[in-house]
Amino acid sequence: MKCSHCGEEIGRLVYFCPWCGNFLGEQRLLPFEDVKLTFLRADLSGFTKMSETMIAEDVMAFLNEVFGFFAKIIEHNKGIIYQIIGDEMVSIFGLPKGSTFASHMAIFAAEEMFNKLFDCNKKEYLKNPIGLKIGVETESASIFNVEDNLQDNLQNRLIITLGFKKSQILQKNAENNTILVGESLYQATKAFFEYREVGEFFEHDLSIKAYEYQLKLKT
């Protein structure tokens, strides 16, 4: 098919022209759906220092192994990997629409990730153990065409939400080897988990009240 706006040939079924961005659907209103999602951002700390003492092949092998474990943990807890950027992983809980206890599952996943990293840090060749900083928040989101093949191409969906930014702010302000959660997730899970109030973080026009989840790590 060809785009009616720019005339470029499009070889697969998409809603927007990859050349000019023209909407190719017949509907005047985009099929957005409003959902409540939980966003988890995990960042490996100490990665740069580790890289200085290992050859590039070993660094990539370790990173791939850790993120492979993390991906299995997230999927086991009914989450979806949204994006991996360098030493950071972004995941979403609460899809398909109607999934229950997404906030709780995200906390379970986060704690499992810490315990798995604890095991990975025992490797003999690892001179500088890696830490982990996680930010988690529950937030409303509008997703374009939410139900179609979510596992395959969620990264290509148009997702409008403050959840990505809020979880990023929490993750950036987390101390090494801690989980910070926002107000919405705290309110949804405080009857099940123990938290410590940390304070409030400000970035641009966003104000986020943060709580530290009390980790129960293996010894």
C-alpha atoms as a PDB file:
ATOM      1  CA  MET A   1       0.000   0.000   0.000  1.00  0.00           C
ATOM      2  CA  LYS A   2       1.028   3.635  -0.465  1.00  0.00           C
ATOM      3  CA  CYS A   3       0.710   6.543   1.914  1.00  0.00           C
ATOM      4  CA  SER A   4      -1.990   8.925   0.724  1.00  0.00           C
ATOM      5  CA  HIS A   5       0.023  11.891   2.012  1.00  0.00           C
ATOM      6  CA  CYS A   6       3.617  11.338   0.837  1.00  0.00           C
ATOM      7  CA  GLY A   7       3.134   8.519  -1.686  1.00  0.00           C
ATOM      8  CA  GLU A   8       5.818   6.279  -0.215  1.00  0.00           C
ATOM      9  CA  GLU A   9       5.363   2.510  -0.449  1.00  0.00           C
ATOM     10  CA  ILE A  10       4.585   0.807   2.887  1.00  0.00           C
ATOM     11  CA  GLY A  11       5.304  -2.900   3.061  1.00  0.00           C
ATOM     12  CA  ARG A  12       3.461  -3.831   6.238  1.00  0.00           C
ATOM     13  CA  LEU A  13       0.239  -3.013   8.037  1.00  0.00           C
ATOM     14  CA  VAL A  14       0.799  -0.016  10.302  1.00  0.00           C
ATOM     15  CA  TYR A  15      -1.334   2.817  11.622  1.00  0.00           C
ATOM     16  CA  PHE A  16       1.160   5.580  10.854  1.00  0.00           C
ATOM     17  CA  CYS A  17       3.319   6.130   7.781  1.00  0.00           C
ATOM     18  CA  PRO A  18       6.959   5.477   8.780  1.00  0.00           C
ATOM     19  CA  TRP A  19       8.074   8.154   6.302  1.00  0.00           C
ATOM     20  CA  CYS A  20       5.880  11.147   7.110  1.00  0.00           C
ATOM     21  CA  GLY A  21       3.852  10.116  10.183  1.00  0.00           C
ATOM     22  CA  ASN A  22       0.475  10.379   8.439  1.00  0.00           C
ATOM     23  CA  PHE A  23      -2.321   8.421  10.156  1.00  0.00           C
ATOM     24  CA  LEU A  24      -3.363   5.582   7.825  1.00  0.00           C
ATOM     25  CA  GLY A  25      -6.502   4.393   9.614  1.00  0.00           C
ATOM     26  CA  GLU A  26     -10.034   5.223   8.646  1.00  0.00           C
ATOM     27  CA  GLN A  27     -11.102   6.454  12.082  1.00  0.00           C
ATOM     28  CA  ARG A  28     -10.862  10.149  12.854  1.00  0.00           C
ATOM     29  CA  LEU A  29     -10.413   9.405  16.545  1.00  0.00           C
ATOM     30  CA  LEU A  30      -7.487   7.191  17.512  1.00  0.00           C
ATOM     31  CA  PRO A  31      -8.494   4.039  19.433  1.00  0.00           C
ATOM     32  CA  PHE A  32      -6.889   4.933  22.769  1.00  0.00           C
ATOM     33  CA  GLU A  33      -7.709   2.967  25.894  1.00  0.00           C
ATOM     34  CA  ASP A  34      -7.153   4.204  29.429  1.00  0.00           C
ATOM     35  CA  VAL A  35      -5.502   1.710  31.756  1.00  0.00           C
ATOM     36  CA  LYS A  36      -3.819   1.715  35.158  1.00  0.00           C
ATOM     37  CA  LEU A  37      -0.253   0.422  34.845  1.00  0.00           C
ATOM     38  CA  THR A  38       2.771  -0.063  37.080  1.00  0.00           C
ATOM     39  CA  PHE A  39       6.142   1.055  35.714  1.00  0.00           C
ATOM     40  CA  LEU A  40       9.421  -0.433  36.959  1.00  0.00           C
ATOM     41  CA  ARG A  41      12.814   0.997  36.044  1.00  0.00           C
ATOM     42  CA  ALA A  42      15.947  -0.895  37.107  1.00  0.00           C
ATOM     43  CA  ASP A  43      19.471   0.451  36.730  1.00  0.00           C
ATOM     44  CA  LEU A  44      22.692  -1.411  37.424  1.00  0.00           C
ATOM     45  CA  SER A  45      25.035   0.699  39.567  1.00  0.00           C
ATOM     46  CA  GLY A  46      28.798   0.262  39.525  1.00  0.00           C
ATOM     47  CA  PHE A  47      28.663  -0.919  35.924  1.00  0.00           C
ATOM     48  CA  THR A  48      31.308   1.567  34.725  1.00  0.00           C
ATOM     49  CA  LYS A  49      33.755   0.572  37.457  1.00  0.00           C
ATOM     50  CA  MET A  50      33.208  -3.106  36.653  1.00  0.00           C
ATOM     51  CA  SER A  51      33.836  -2.429  32.962  1.00  0.00           C
ATOM     52  CA  GLU A  52      37.276  -1.004  33.754  1.00  0.00           C
ATOM     53  CA  THR A  53      38.492  -4.302  35.214  1.00  0.00           C
ATOM     54  CA  MET A  54      37.063  -6.693  32.588  1.00  0.00           C
ATOM     55  CA  ILE A  55      37.427  -7.194  28.868  1.00  0.00           C
ATOM     56  CA  ALA A  56      34.501  -6.059  26.734  1.00  0.00           C
ATOM     57  CA  GLU A  57      33.386  -9.624  25.892  1.00  0.00           C
ATOM     58  CA  ASP A  58      33.102 -10.561  29.581  1.00  0.00           C
ATOM     59  CA  VAL A  59      31.242  -7.355  30.384  1.00  0.00           C
ATOM     60  CA  MET A  60      28.652  -8.032  27.683  1.00  0.00           C
ATOM     61  CA  ALA A  61      28.351 -11.695  28.681  1.00  0.00           C
ATOM     62  CA  PHE A  62      27.693 -10.702  32.302  1.00  0.00           C
ATOM     63  CA  LEU A  63      25.218  -7.986  31.312  1.00  0.00           C
ATOM     64  CA  ASN A  64      23.321 -10.331  29.001  1.00  0.00           C
ATOM     65  CA  GLU A  65      23.203 -13.012  31.697  1.00  0.00           C
ATOM     66  CA  VAL A  66      21.867 -10.607  34.344  1.00  0.00           C
ATOM     67  CA  PHE A  67      19.260  -9.070  32.046  1.00  0.00           C
ATOM     68  CA  GLY A  68      18.276 -12.547  30.889  1.00  0.00           C
ATOM     69  CA  PHE A  69      17.544 -13.485  34.503  1.00  0.00           C
ATOM     70  CA  PHE A  70      15.708 -10.190  35.062  1.00  0.00           C
ATOM     71  CA  ALA A  71      13.551 -10.726  31.975  1.00  0.00           C
ATOM     72  CA  LYS A  72      12.477 -14.168  33.204  1.00  0.00           C
ATOM     73  CA  ILE A  73      11.650 -12.770  36.643  1.00  0.00           C
ATOM     74  CA  ILE A  74       9.561  -9.941  35.178  1.00  0.00           C
ATOM     75  CA  GLU A  75       7.695 -12.257  32.838  1.00  0.00           C
ATOM     76  CA  HIS A  76       7.124 -14.790  35.659  1.00  0.00           C
ATOM     77  CA  ASN A  77       5.481 -11.989  37.642  1.00  0.00           C
ATOM     78  CA  LYS A  78       3.243 -11.078  34.692  1.00  0.00           C
ATOM     79  CA  GLY A  79       5.254  -8.062  33.589  1.00  0.00           C
ATOM     80  CA  ILE A  80       6.349  -7.069  30.088  1.00  0.00           C
ATOM     81  CA  ILE A  81       9.821  -5.858  29.112  1.00  0.00           C
ATOM     82  CA  TYR A  82       9.319  -2.478  27.481  1.00  0.00           C
ATOM     83  CA  GLN A  83      12.877  -1.363  26.817  1.00  0.00           C
ATOM     84  CA  ILE A  84      16.532  -2.034  27.618  1.00  0.00           C
ATOM     85  CA  ILE A  85      18.854   0.967  27.365  1.00  0.00           C
ATOM     86  CA  GLY A  86      22.484   0.210  28.182  1.00  0.00           C
ATOM     87  CA  ASP A  87      22.510  -0.940  31.807  1.00  0.00           C
ATOM     88  CA  GLU A  88      18.865   0.038  32.435  1.00  0.00           C
ATOM     89  CA  MET A  89      15.695  -2.023  32.001  1.00  0.00           C
ATOM     90  CA  VAL A  90      12.150  -0.657  31.801  1.00  0.00           C
ATOM     91  CA  SER A  91       9.153  -2.926  32.343  1.00  0.00           C
ATOM     92  CA  ILE A  92       5.388  -2.577  32.635  1.00  0.00           C
ATOM     93  CA  PHE A  93       2.900  -4.470  34.798  1.00  0.00           C
ATOM     94  CA  GLY A  94      -0.874  -4.457  34.337  1.00  0.00           C
ATOM     95  CA  LEU A  95      -1.274  -5.721  30.781  1.00  0.00           C
ATOM     96  CA  PRO A  96      -3.302  -7.246  29.254  1.00  0.00           C
ATOM     97  CA  LYS A  97      -5.960  -4.873  30.487  1.00  0.00           C
ATOM     98  CA  GLY A  98      -7.660  -6.221  33.592  1.00  0.00           C
ATOM     99  CA  SER A  99      -4.572  -7.928  35.026  1.00  0.00           C
ATOM    100  CA  THR A 100      -4.902  -7.966  38.809  1.00  0.00           C
ATOM    101  CA  PHE A 101      -2.419  -7.039  41.547  1.00  0.00           C
ATOM    102  CA  ALA A 102       0.015  -5.465  39.073  1.00  0.00           C
ATOM    103  CA  SER A 103       1.522  -3.200  41.759  1.00  0.00           C
ATOM    104  CA  HIS A 104       2.153  -6.154  44.061  1.00  0.00           C
ATOM    105  CA  MET A 105       3.633  -8.270  41.268  1.00  0.00           C
ATOM    106  CA  ALA A 106       6.052  -5.466  40.420  1.00  0.00           C
ATOM    107  CA  ILE A 107       7.345  -5.424  44.011  1.00  0.00           C
ATOM    108  CA  PHE A 108       7.725  -9.211  44.019  1.00  0.00           C
ATOM    109  CA  ALA A 109       9.669  -8.963  40.749  1.00  0.00           C
ATOM    110  CA  ALA A 110      11.912  -6.187  42.076  1.00  0.00           C
ATOM    111  CA  GLU A 111      12.861  -8.184  45.169  1.00  0.00           C
ATOM    112  CA  GLU A 112      13.558 -11.301  43.091  1.00  0.00           C
ATOM    113  CA  MET A 113      15.817  -9.217  40.837  1.00  0.00           C
ATOM    114  CA  PHE A 114      17.901  -8.144  43.836  1.00  0.00           C
ATOM    115  CA  ASN A 115      18.259 -11.714  45.056  1.00  0.00           C
ATOM    116  CA  LYS A 116      19.271 -12.944  41.606  1.00  0.00           C
ATOM    117  CA  LEU A 117      21.869 -10.175  41.294  1.00  0.00           C
ATOM    118  CA  PHE A 118      23.159 -11.185  44.746  1.00  0.00           C
ATOM    119  CA  ASP A 119      23.859 -14.661  43.300  1.00  0.00           C
ATOM    120  CA  CYS A 120      25.438 -13.259  40.116  1.00  0.00           C
ATOM    121  CA  ASN A 121      27.818 -11.116  42.172  1.00  0.00           C
ATOM    122  CA  LYS A 122      29.368 -14.285  43.632  1.00  0.00           C
ATOM    123  CA  LYS A 123      31.170 -15.050  40.373  1.00  0.00           C
ATOM    124  CA  GLU A 124      34.918 -15.417  40.968  1.00  0.00           C
ATOM    125  CA  TYR A 125      35.978 -13.190  38.072  1.00  0.00           C
ATOM    126  CA  LEU A 126      33.819 -10.298  39.269  1.00  0.00           C
ATOM    127  CA  LYS A 127      36.183  -8.027  41.198  1.00  0.00           C
ATOM    128  CA  ASN A 128      33.663  -5.217  41.738  1.00  0.00           C
ATOM    129  CA  PRO A 129      30.135  -6.359  42.659  1.00  0.00           C
ATOM    130  CA  ILE A 130      27.272  -4.683  40.838  1.00  0.00           C
ATOM    131  CA  GLY A 131      24.491  -2.861  42.656  1.00  0.00           C
ATOM    132  CA  LEU A 132      20.915  -2.163  41.637  1.00  0.00           C
ATOM    133  CA  LYS A 133      18.613   0.857  41.932  1.00  0.00           C
ATOM    134  CA  ILE A 134      14.897   0.462  41.199  1.00  0.00           C
ATOM    135  CA  GLY A 135      12.054   2.950  40.913  1.00  0.00           C
ATOM    136  CA  VAL A 136       8.422   1.800  40.739  1.00  0.00           C
ATOM    137  CA  GLU A 137       5.187   3.739  40.392  1.00  0.00           C
ATOM    138  CA  THR A 138       1.581   3.074  39.412  1.00  0.00           C
ATOM    139  CA  GLU A 139       0.055   5.580  37.022  1.00  0.00           C
ATOM    140  CA  SER A 140      -2.813   5.984  34.567  1.00  0.00           C
ATOM    141  CA  ALA A 141      -1.877   5.602  30.906  1.00  0.00           C
ATOM    142  CA  SER A 142      -3.530   5.990  27.524  1.00  0.00           C
ATOM    143  CA  ILE A 143      -2.387   3.336  25.060  1.00  0.00           C
ATOM    144  CA  PHE A 144      -3.080   3.268  21.354  1.00  0.00           C
ATOM    145  CA  ASN A 145      -4.682  -0.060  20.373  1.00  0.00           C
ATOM    146  CA  VAL A 146      -3.969  -1.718  23.709  1.00  0.00           C
ATOM    147  CA  GLU A 147      -5.113  -5.291  23.081  1.00  0.00           C
ATOM    148  CA  ASP A 148      -3.266  -6.297  19.894  1.00  0.00           C
ATOM    149  CA  ASN A 149      -0.118  -8.454  20.262  1.00  0.00           C
ATOM    150  CA  LEU A 150       1.192  -6.709  23.350  1.00  0.00           C
ATOM    151  CA  GLN A 151       4.023  -9.143  23.984  1.00  0.00           C
ATOM    152  CA  ASP A 152       5.370  -8.753  20.451  1.00  0.00           C
ATOM    153  CA  ASN A 153       5.539  -5.018  19.924  1.00  0.00           C
ATOM    154  CA  LEU A 154       4.613  -3.036  23.018  1.00  0.00           C
ATOM    155  CA  GLN A 155       7.667  -0.833  22.367  1.00  0.00           C
ATOM    156  CA  ASN A 156       5.996   0.427  19.191  1.00  0.00           C
ATOM    157  CA  ARG A 157       2.763   1.414  20.923  1.00  0.00           C
ATOM    158  CA  LEU A 158       1.919   5.021  21.536  1.00  0.00           C
ATOM    159  CA  ILE A 159       1.781   5.252  25.350  1.00  0.00           C
ATOM    160  CA  ILE A 160       0.878   8.557  26.959  1.00  0.00           C
ATOM    161  CA  THR A 161       1.634   8.571  30.687  1.00  0.00           C
ATOM    162  CA  LEU A 162       3.698  10.155  33.439  1.00  0.00           C
ATOM    163  CA  GLY A 163       4.534   6.654  34.675  1.00  0.00           C
ATOM    164  CA  PHE A 164       7.792   6.429  32.735  1.00  0.00           C
ATOM    165  CA  LYS A 165       9.038   9.770  34.045  1.00  0.00           C
ATOM    166  CA  LYS A 166       7.938   9.201  37.646  1.00  0.00           C
ATOM    167  CA  SER A 167       9.591   5.775  37.851  1.00  0.00           C
ATOM    168  CA  GLN A 168      12.738   7.264  36.318  1.00  0.00           C
ATOM    169  CA  ILE A 169      12.888  10.037  38.918  1.00  0.00           C
ATOM    170  CA  LEU A 170      12.455   7.474  41.692  1.00  0.00           C
ATOM    171  CA  GLN A 171      15.154   5.235  40.224  1.00  0.00           C
ATOM    172  CA  LYS A 172      17.604   8.136  39.808  1.00  0.00           C
ATOM    173  CA  ASN A 173      17.138   9.182  43.434  1.00  0.00           C
ATOM    174  CA  ALA A 174      17.331   5.675  44.906  1.00  0.00           C
ATOM    175  CA  GLU A 175      20.394   4.796  46.935  1.00  0.00           C
ATOM    176  CA  ASN A 176      22.440   1.824  45.802  1.00  0.00           C
ATOM    177  CA  ASN A 177      20.607  -1.485  46.359  1.00  0.00           C
ATOM    178  CA  THR A 178      17.266   0.065  47.218  1.00  0.00           C
ATOM    179  CA  ILE A 179      13.738   0.199  45.796  1.00  0.00           C
ATOM    180  CA  LEU A 180      11.873   3.506  45.843  1.00  0.00           C
ATOM    181  CA  VAL A 181       8.141   3.595  45.123  1.00  0.00           C
ATOM    182  CA  GLY A 182       5.781   6.480  44.527  1.00  0.00           C
ATOM    183  CA  GLU A 183       2.639   7.521  46.376  1.00  0.00           C
ATOM    184  CA  SER A 184       0.164   5.621  44.188  1.00  0.00           C
ATOM    185  CA  LEU A 185       1.969   2.307  44.497  1.00  0.00           C
ATOM    186  CA  TYR A 186       2.535   2.858  48.203  1.00  0.00           C
ATOM    187  CA  GLN A 187      -1.176   3.408  48.816  1.00  0.00           C
ATOM    188  CA  ALA A 188      -2.070   0.296  46.807  1.00  0.00           C
ATOM    189  CA  THR A 189       0.381  -2.015  48.584  1.00  0.00           C
ATOM    190  CA  LYS A 190       1.071  -0.604  52.075  1.00  0.00           C
ATOM    191  CA  ALA A 191      -1.172  -3.219  53.702  1.00  0.00           C
ATOM    192  CA  PHE A 192       1.037  -5.987  52.249  1.00  0.00           C
ATOM    193  CA  PHE A 193       4.587  -4.599  52.342  1.00  0.00           C
ATOM    194  CA  GLU A 194       6.771  -2.570  54.710  1.00  0.00           C
ATOM    195  CA  TYR A 195       7.973   0.860  53.633  1.00  0.00           C
ATOM    196  CA  ARG A 196       9.938   3.757  55.047  1.00  0.00           C
ATOM    197  CA  GLU A 197       8.990   7.274  54.030  1.00  0.00           C
ATOM    198  CA  VAL A 198      11.949   8.944  52.302  1.00  0.00           C
ATOM    199  CA  GLY A 199      10.711  12.390  51.350  1.00  0.00           C
ATOM    200  CA  GLU A 200       9.771  14.291  48.236  1.00  0.00           C
ATOM    201  CA  PHE A 201      11.656  14.696  44.969  1.00  0.00           C
ATOM    202  CA  PHE A 202      11.166  17.531  42.505  1.00  0.00           C
ATOM    203  CA  GLU A 203      12.036  17.578  38.827  1.00  0.00           C
ATOM    204  CA  HIS A 204      10.740  20.280  36.525  1.00  0.00           C
ATOM    205  CA  ASP A 205       6.998  20.488  37.266  1.00  0.00           C
ATOM    206  CA  LEU A 206       6.769  17.060  38.919  1.00  0.00           C
ATOM    207  CA  SER A 207       6.677  16.452  42.650  1.00  0.00           C
ATOM    208  CA  ILE A 208       6.978  12.831  43.786  1.00  0.00           C
ATOM    209  CA  LYS A 209       6.621  11.557  47.338  1.00  0.00           C
ATOM    210  CA  ALA A 210       8.879   8.535  47.771  1.00  0.00           C
ATOM    211  CA  TYR A 211       8.928   5.496  50.030  1.00  0.00           C
ATOM    212  CA  GLU A 212      11.676   2.896  50.384  1.00  0.00           C
ATOM    213  CA  TYR A 213      10.584  -0.720  50.246  1.00  0.00           C
ATOM    214  CA  GLN A 214      12.118  -2.802  53.028  1.00  0.00           C
ATOM    215  CA  LEU A 215      14.053  -5.437  51.126  1.00  0.00           C
ATOM    216  CA  LYS A 216      14.381  -8.973  52.425  1.00  0.00           C
ATOM    217  CA  LEU A 217      17.572 -10.153  50.773  1.00  0.00           C
ATOM    218  CA  LYS A 218      19.145 -13.579  50.944  1.00  0.00           C
ATOM    219  CA  THR A 219      22.304 -13.882  53.025  1.00  0.00           C
END
